Amino acid sequence: MDINQDRTVFSIIVPVYNVEKYLPHTLDSIINQSFESFEVICIDDGSTDRSKNVLNDYGLKDKRIKVFSQENAGPGAARNIGISNASGKYVLFVDADDWLESNALEYLYEKFSQTNANIIQFDYKAVNKLSGKERLCVLKKDISLKNAECYNWKFLKEKALVTRLMAWDKAYSLDFIRKNNMQFACNKHAEDHIFTIKGLLLTDKVYYLEKCLYNYNNRPNSSTNIQSNDNFCIFDNVQLLKDFLVKYKLDDVLADGFKEYKQEILYIHYANIIDEQKSEYLKLCRTVLSGKEYKKMLNRIKHKERSFLERIFSIKNRSENSVKKKVLTIIGMEFIISPKNEGECNES
């Protein structure tokens, strides 16, 4: 497709950290796009492997690739560098171990030209190369969009703060990002939540392109699937989101959505906290959740950690507030026996 304009159409921002094994495939999927008016802004996030060498090699081969570096600070800070240096009309975020379909930019340009959209969302495929399984993730099925070509946060209602919080299944107008001072949280996990939520709440419409344009590499050793105390940063996200909702006077209308965000995100990140720090994590959860919300989260954790047979019948020791208790589970009912309160019964 011929583009008769001076400005680069797409800026593709790629944060890079220790992915030398996957990076060539990712970069090849970008530079071999059928639509050629783009720049690739790669930010090496203090890699300790050969990722930086791979970037420099590709930069020498293709002048559209620009390489930046920073001390290890996480993908949020890296993407912010990318936004600051972007010159394209539209921005796309690609993780350095994922890849694009060959005609992704062509389809996106056509949709932007038709709609003059601030945000375009598209479908993606989750790929697990170890198991050989692939799963197509179709937005209109997730949110019951049916035949509509756009939606907004009012359509999603209380789900507005928990639906598709990743940045890589969307393309953005760079002017929209800069006008609204949208930035990623400087965290190493969940850094895209605040960015994507702001985008959703600040635009009238998110346009939907019903095509699979992106492949998500769902690998077990990725940063999102390993235990790390960096996951404590999720409490910063909760505060950032609360501050944003208050600033734009959305805290009342989205109160239920904010509660759901807290419950979901705190529960999800609990699994990736180092075991020795999980009690400290739960203490912090109690400071941001109501008593009812906290109890619900504990019940979800207990059921997640127990097998089906254990939920039918098991006897286990549990320590709560430094007090050891023996827990008898019979068909989902817990009988907690402690030195002070023998025979207490709670339904889980």
Protein backbone atom coordinates (compact mmCIF):
# COMPACT_ATOMS: atom_id res chain seq x y z
CA MET A 1 0.00 0.00 0.00
CA ASP A 2 1.42 3.40 -1.01
CA ILE A 3 1.41 6.16 1.61
CA ASN A 4 1.77 9.68 0.23
CA GLN A 5 2.69 11.54 3.40
CA ASP A 6 5.85 12.62 5.14
CA ARG A 7 5.07 11.44 8.66
CA THR A 8 5.84 7.86 9.68
CA VAL A 9 2.54 6.08 10.20
CA PHE A 10 3.34 3.61 13.01
CA SER A 11 5.73 3.64 15.95
CA ILE A 12 6.16 0.10 17.26
CA ILE A 13 7.53 0.11 20.81
CA VAL A 14 9.35 -3.00 22.04
CA PRO A 15 10.71 -3.28 25.61
CA VAL A 16 13.50 -5.85 25.77
CA TYR A 17 14.88 -7.80 28.72
CA ASN A 18 16.83 -11.06 28.45
CA VAL A 19 14.96 -12.48 25.46
CA GLU A 20 17.79 -13.19 23.01
CA LYS A 21 16.19 -16.56 22.16
CA TYR A 22 12.88 -15.02 21.05
CA LEU A 23 13.89 -11.55 19.85
CA PRO A 24 14.85 -12.40 16.24
CA HIS A 25 11.43 -13.94 15.57
CA THR A 26 9.73 -10.89 17.07
CA LEU A 27 11.77 -8.39 15.05
CA ASP A 28 11.37 -10.41 11.84
CA SER A 29 7.60 -10.35 12.27
CA ILE A 30 7.77 -6.55 12.44
CA ILE A 31 10.25 -5.67 9.69
CA ASN A 32 8.54 -8.06 7.26
CA GLN A 33 5.15 -6.36 7.55
CA SER A 34 3.22 -5.87 4.31
CA PHE A 35 2.76 -2.20 5.34
CA GLU A 36 6.16 -0.50 5.43
CA SER A 37 5.69 2.99 6.90
CA PHE A 38 6.82 2.42 10.47
CA GLU A 39 9.64 2.79 12.94
CA VAL A 40 10.63 0.24 15.59
CA ILE A 41 11.69 1.70 18.93
CA CYS A 42 13.48 -0.97 20.98
CA ILE A 43 14.44 -0.24 24.58
CA ASP A 44 16.95 -2.59 26.17
CA ASP A 45 16.00 -2.76 29.86
CA GLY A 46 19.42 -3.63 31.24
CA SER A 47 19.60 -7.11 29.70
CA THR A 48 22.37 -9.41 30.92
CA ASP A 49 22.23 -11.79 27.95
CA ARG A 50 22.89 -11.01 24.26
CA SER A 51 19.63 -9.16 23.66
CA LYS A 52 21.42 -5.82 23.18
CA ASN A 53 23.72 -7.41 20.56
CA VAL A 54 20.70 -8.75 18.68
CA LEU A 55 19.12 -5.29 18.70
CA ASN A 56 22.29 -3.63 17.42
CA ASP A 57 22.66 -6.21 14.64
CA TYR A 58 19.09 -5.62 13.47
CA GLY A 59 19.57 -1.87 13.76
CA LEU A 60 22.49 -2.06 11.35
CA LYS A 61 20.41 -4.06 8.85
CA ASP A 62 17.24 -1.93 8.99
CA LYS A 63 17.35 1.85 9.53
CA ARG A 64 13.75 1.80 10.80
CA ILE A 65 14.97 0.12 14.02
CA LYS A 66 16.08 2.55 16.75
CA VAL A 67 17.77 1.19 19.86
CA PHE A 68 17.68 2.82 23.31
CA SER A 69 18.98 1.57 26.64
CA GLN A 70 18.19 2.03 30.31
CA GLU A 71 19.17 0.52 33.65
CA ASN A 72 16.83 -2.33 34.54
CA ALA A 73 13.61 -0.59 35.58
CA GLY A 74 10.88 -2.72 34.01
CA PRO A 75 8.81 -2.62 30.82
CA GLY A 76 6.71 0.33 32.02
CA ALA A 77 9.65 2.71 32.18
CA ALA A 78 10.95 1.27 28.89
CA ARG A 79 7.67 1.90 27.08
CA ASN A 80 7.59 5.47 28.43
CA ILE A 81 10.98 6.05 26.77
CA GLY A 82 9.47 4.67 23.58
CA ILE A 83 6.52 7.06 23.74
CA SER A 84 8.83 10.03 24.34
CA ASN A 85 10.84 9.17 21.22
CA ALA A 86 7.97 8.12 18.95
CA SER A 87 7.34 10.06 15.74
CA GLY A 88 4.58 7.95 14.18
CA LYS A 89 0.93 8.87 13.98
CA TYR A 90 -0.10 5.65 15.70
CA VAL A 91 1.56 3.52 18.37
CA LEU A 92 1.63 -0.23 18.78
CA PHE A 93 3.22 -2.09 21.70
CA VAL A 94 4.86 -5.46 21.10
CA ASP A 95 6.48 -7.61 23.78
CA ALA A 96 9.90 -8.91 22.77
CA ASP A 97 8.93 -12.59 22.92
CA ASP A 98 5.67 -12.22 20.96
CA TRP A 99 5.07 -11.63 17.25
CA LEU A 100 2.74 -9.90 14.80
CA GLU A 101 0.80 -11.35 11.92
CA SER A 102 2.37 -10.25 8.63
CA ASN A 103 -0.51 -7.95 7.63
CA ALA A 104 -1.23 -6.48 11.09
CA LEU A 105 -0.18 -2.90 10.25
CA GLU A 106 -2.03 -2.94 6.95
CA TYR A 107 -5.32 -3.87 8.66
CA LEU A 108 -4.75 -1.31 11.41
CA TYR A 109 -4.01 1.51 8.97
CA GLU A 110 -7.19 0.75 7.05
CA LYS A 111 -9.25 0.80 10.28
CA PHE A 112 -7.67 4.04 11.52
CA SER A 113 -8.35 5.65 8.12
CA GLN A 114 -12.00 4.61 8.25
CA THR A 115 -12.71 5.66 11.84
CA ASN A 116 -10.19 8.32 12.92
CA ALA A 117 -10.09 6.35 16.18
CA ASN A 118 -8.09 7.06 19.31
CA ILE A 119 -7.84 3.34 20.13
CA ILE A 120 -8.30 0.21 18.04
CA GLN A 121 -8.52 -3.17 19.76
CA PHE A 122 -7.98 -6.46 17.98
CA ASP A 123 -7.98 -10.20 18.66
CA TYR A 124 -4.93 -12.27 19.51
CA LYS A 125 -3.77 -15.86 19.74
CA ALA A 126 -2.27 -17.32 22.92
CA VAL A 127 0.41 -19.81 21.91
CA ASN A 128 2.14 -22.37 24.13
CA LYS A 129 4.94 -23.85 22.07
CA LEU A 130 5.83 -26.41 24.73
CA SER A 131 2.39 -28.01 24.73
CA GLY A 132 1.59 -27.13 21.14
CA LYS A 133 -1.72 -25.61 22.23
CA GLU A 134 -3.14 -22.44 20.70
CA ARG A 135 -6.15 -20.45 21.83
CA LEU A 136 -7.81 -17.70 19.80
CA CYS A 137 -8.98 -14.88 22.09
CA VAL A 138 -11.90 -13.06 20.48
CA LEU A 139 -12.98 -9.83 22.15
CA LYS A 140 -16.60 -9.85 21.06
CA LYS A 141 -17.08 -13.22 22.80
CA ASP A 142 -15.42 -12.00 25.99
CA ILE A 143 -17.61 -8.91 26.36
CA SER A 144 -20.71 -9.95 24.34
CA LEU A 145 -20.05 -7.27 21.76
CA LYS A 146 -21.97 -9.17 19.08
CA ASN A 147 -21.94 -7.20 15.81
CA ALA A 148 -20.99 -3.77 17.16
CA GLU A 149 -17.78 -2.25 15.84
CA CYS A 150 -17.03 -0.14 18.92
CA TYR A 151 -17.65 0.09 22.66
CA ASN A 152 -16.83 2.29 25.65
CA TRP A 153 -16.43 1.92 29.40
CA LYS A 154 -20.15 2.54 29.99
CA PHE A 155 -20.91 -0.54 27.89
CA LEU A 156 -18.61 -2.65 30.07
CA LYS A 157 -20.03 -1.18 33.31
CA GLU A 158 -18.37 -2.71 36.40
CA LYS A 159 -16.09 -4.81 34.15
CA ALA A 160 -14.45 -1.68 32.72
CA LEU A 161 -11.51 -1.90 35.12
CA VAL A 162 -10.76 -5.61 34.66
CA THR A 163 -11.25 -6.26 30.94
CA ARG A 164 -8.22 -6.77 28.67
CA LEU A 165 -5.71 -4.76 30.72
CA MET A 166 -2.70 -5.53 28.49
CA ALA A 167 -1.37 -2.91 26.09
CA TRP A 168 -0.32 -5.17 23.22
CA ASP A 169 -3.79 -6.00 21.88
CA LYS A 170 -4.49 -2.35 21.04
CA ALA A 171 -3.14 0.40 18.81
CA TYR A 172 -3.28 4.05 19.89
CA SER A 173 -3.21 7.50 18.37
CA LEU A 174 0.04 9.09 19.56
CA ASP A 175 -1.66 12.49 19.78
CA PHE A 176 -4.30 10.96 22.10
CA ILE A 177 -1.60 9.47 24.33
CA ARG A 178 0.31 12.73 24.62
CA LYS A 179 -2.74 14.96 24.97
CA ASN A 180 -3.85 12.93 28.00
CA ASN A 181 -0.33 12.48 29.41
CA MET A 182 -0.78 8.71 29.40
CA GLN A 183 2.17 6.83 30.84
CA PHE A 184 2.88 3.33 32.04
CA ALA A 185 3.44 2.68 35.73
CA CYS A 186 7.15 2.28 36.43
CA ASN A 187 6.64 -1.26 37.71
CA LYS A 188 8.05 -4.61 36.61
CA HIS A 189 4.61 -6.27 36.70
CA ALA A 190 1.09 -5.11 35.75
CA GLU A 191 2.65 -1.89 34.46
CA ASP A 192 0.12 -1.62 31.62
CA HIS A 193 -3.04 -1.64 33.77
CA ILE A 194 -3.15 2.08 34.50
CA PHE A 195 -2.26 2.98 30.91
CA THR A 196 -4.98 0.85 29.33
CA ILE A 197 -7.63 1.84 31.89
CA LYS A 198 -6.90 5.52 31.35
CA GLY A 199 -7.23 5.04 27.61
CA LEU A 200 -10.58 3.31 27.98
CA LEU A 201 -11.99 5.92 30.37
CA LEU A 202 -10.74 8.95 28.42
CA THR A 203 -11.99 8.04 24.95
CA ASP A 204 -15.56 8.06 23.69
CA LYS A 205 -15.14 4.87 21.70
CA VAL A 206 -12.74 1.98 21.37
CA TYR A 207 -13.04 0.59 17.86
CA TYR A 208 -12.86 -3.16 17.43
CA LEU A 209 -11.05 -4.85 14.56
CA GLU A 210 -12.28 -8.43 14.40
CA LYS A 211 -9.03 -9.94 13.21
CA CYS A 212 -6.24 -11.81 14.96
CA LEU A 213 -3.18 -9.59 14.56
CA TYR A 214 -1.00 -10.62 17.50
CA ASN A 215 0.52 -13.81 18.89
CA TYR A 216 1.12 -13.98 22.63
CA ASN A 217 3.90 -16.36 23.63
CA ASN A 218 2.50 -17.96 26.77
CA ARG A 219 5.73 -19.44 28.12
CA PRO A 220 6.12 -20.76 31.68
CA ASN A 221 9.40 -18.95 32.42
CA SER A 222 8.24 -15.48 31.43
CA SER A 223 8.32 -12.63 33.97
CA THR A 224 4.58 -12.93 34.53
CA ASN A 225 4.84 -16.60 35.48
CA ILE A 226 7.64 -16.64 38.04
CA GLN A 227 7.65 -15.88 41.74
CA SER A 228 9.11 -12.49 42.58
CA ASN A 229 8.60 -9.87 45.25
CA ASP A 230 8.40 -7.33 42.44
CA ASN A 231 4.71 -8.28 42.49
CA PHE A 232 4.31 -6.10 45.58
CA CYS A 233 4.15 -3.22 43.10
CA ILE A 234 0.50 -4.08 42.56
CA PHE A 235 -0.32 -2.01 45.65
CA ASP A 236 1.09 1.01 43.82
CA ASN A 237 -1.32 0.26 40.97
CA VAL A 238 -4.27 0.20 43.35
CA GLN A 239 -3.35 3.65 44.66
CA LEU A 240 -2.65 5.06 41.18
CA LEU A 241 -6.03 3.85 39.94
CA LYS A 242 -7.82 5.25 43.00
CA ASP A 243 -6.15 8.64 42.49
CA PHE A 244 -7.11 8.68 38.80
CA LEU A 245 -10.76 7.83 39.50
CA VAL A 246 -10.96 10.58 42.12
CA LYS A 247 -9.31 13.14 39.82
CA TYR A 248 -11.84 12.51 37.06
CA LYS A 249 -14.77 12.18 39.49
CA LEU A 250 -15.38 8.56 38.52
CA ASP A 251 -14.80 7.03 41.96
CA ASP A 252 -18.51 6.85 42.77
CA VAL A 253 -19.81 5.62 39.42
CA LEU A 254 -17.03 3.02 39.16
CA ALA A 255 -16.92 2.05 42.83
CA ASP A 256 -17.99 -1.55 42.13
CA GLY A 257 -15.48 -1.83 39.31
CA PHE A 258 -12.70 -0.58 41.57
CA LYS A 259 -13.61 -3.20 44.18
CA GLU A 260 -13.49 -5.90 41.52
CA TYR A 261 -10.12 -4.65 40.26
CA LYS A 262 -8.65 -4.82 43.77
CA GLN A 263 -10.01 -8.29 44.44
CA GLU A 264 -8.96 -9.76 41.09
CA ILE A 265 -5.52 -8.25 40.81
CA LEU A 266 -4.49 -8.86 44.42
CA TYR A 267 -5.66 -12.46 44.16
CA ILE A 268 -3.84 -13.07 40.87
CA HIS A 269 -0.52 -11.65 42.06
CA TYR A 270 -0.60 -13.54 45.34
CA ALA A 271 0.44 -16.72 43.48
CA ASN A 272 3.64 -15.05 42.25
CA ILE A 273 4.78 -13.74 45.62
CA ILE A 274 7.73 -15.62 47.14
CA ASP A 275 6.34 -18.04 49.73
CA GLU A 276 8.24 -16.47 52.63
CA GLN A 277 6.65 -13.08 51.89
CA LYS A 278 3.05 -14.19 51.34
CA SER A 279 2.00 -13.41 54.91
CA GLU A 280 3.34 -9.86 54.51
CA TYR A 281 1.47 -9.57 51.20
CA LEU A 282 -1.76 -10.60 52.89
CA LYS A 283 -1.23 -8.03 55.64
CA LEU A 284 -1.08 -5.32 52.97
CA CYS A 285 -4.18 -6.76 51.30
CA ARG A 286 -6.07 -6.18 54.54
CA THR A 287 -5.21 -2.47 54.35
CA VAL A 288 -6.87 -2.01 50.94
CA LEU A 289 -9.72 -4.53 51.11
CA SER A 290 -12.79 -4.47 53.29
CA GLY A 291 -13.24 -7.31 55.78
CA LYS A 292 -15.73 -9.01 53.47
CA GLU A 293 -13.48 -8.62 50.43
CA TYR A 294 -10.48 -9.94 52.32
CA LYS A 295 -12.36 -13.02 53.54
CA LYS A 296 -13.53 -13.71 49.99
CA MET A 297 -9.95 -13.52 48.75
CA LEU A 298 -8.74 -15.94 51.45
CA ASN A 299 -11.44 -18.42 50.48
CA ARG A 300 -10.39 -18.23 46.84
CA ILE A 301 -6.76 -18.82 47.80
CA LYS A 302 -7.66 -21.81 49.97
CA HIS A 303 -9.73 -23.42 47.23
CA LYS A 304 -7.05 -22.74 44.61
CA GLU A 305 -4.33 -24.33 46.72
CA ARG A 306 -6.28 -27.47 47.55
CA SER A 307 -6.95 -30.31 45.16
CA PHE A 308 -10.45 -31.69 44.60
CA LEU A 309 -9.82 -34.60 46.97
CA GLU A 310 -8.46 -32.26 49.64
CA ARG A 311 -11.67 -30.23 49.45
CA ILE A 312 -13.62 -33.45 50.06
CA PHE A 313 -11.55 -34.62 53.02
CA SER A 314 -8.25 -33.47 54.48
CA ILE A 315 -6.51 -32.68 57.76
CA LYS A 316 -3.90 -29.92 57.64
CA ASN A 317 -2.01 -27.58 59.91
CA ARG A 318 -2.43 -23.85 59.38
CA SER A 319 -0.78 -20.86 61.03
CA GLU A 320 -2.77 -17.66 61.46
CA ASN A 321 -1.39 -14.67 63.36
CA SER A 322 1.34 -16.93 64.79
CA VAL A 323 -1.27 -19.35 66.18
CA LYS A 324 -1.10 -22.91 64.91
CA LYS A 325 -4.41 -24.57 64.11
CA LYS A 326 -5.44 -27.94 62.80
CA VAL A 327 -7.99 -27.75 59.99
CA LEU A 328 -10.32 -30.64 59.19
CA THR A 329 -12.09 -30.33 55.82
CA ILE A 330 -15.15 -32.46 55.07
CA ILE A 331 -17.06 -31.82 51.81
CA GLY A 332 -16.04 -28.17 51.69
CA MET A 333 -16.73 -27.50 55.36
CA GLU A 334 -13.78 -26.47 57.52
CA PHE A 335 -13.57 -27.44 61.17
CA ILE A 336 -10.81 -25.34 62.74
CA ILE A 337 -9.37 -26.60 66.02
CA SER A 338 -7.14 -24.22 67.93
CA PRO A 339 -5.94 -24.09 71.55
CA LYS A 340 -8.42 -21.32 72.34
CA ASN A 341 -11.33 -22.20 70.11
CA GLU A 342 -11.78 -25.91 69.62
CA GLY A 343 -14.46 -27.04 67.25
CA GLU A 344 -15.02 -23.74 65.41
CA CYS A 345 -16.79 -24.33 62.11
CA ASN A 346 -16.48 -22.14 58.99
CA GLU A 347 -17.90 -22.80 55.54
CA SER A 348 -15.40 -22.22 52.74
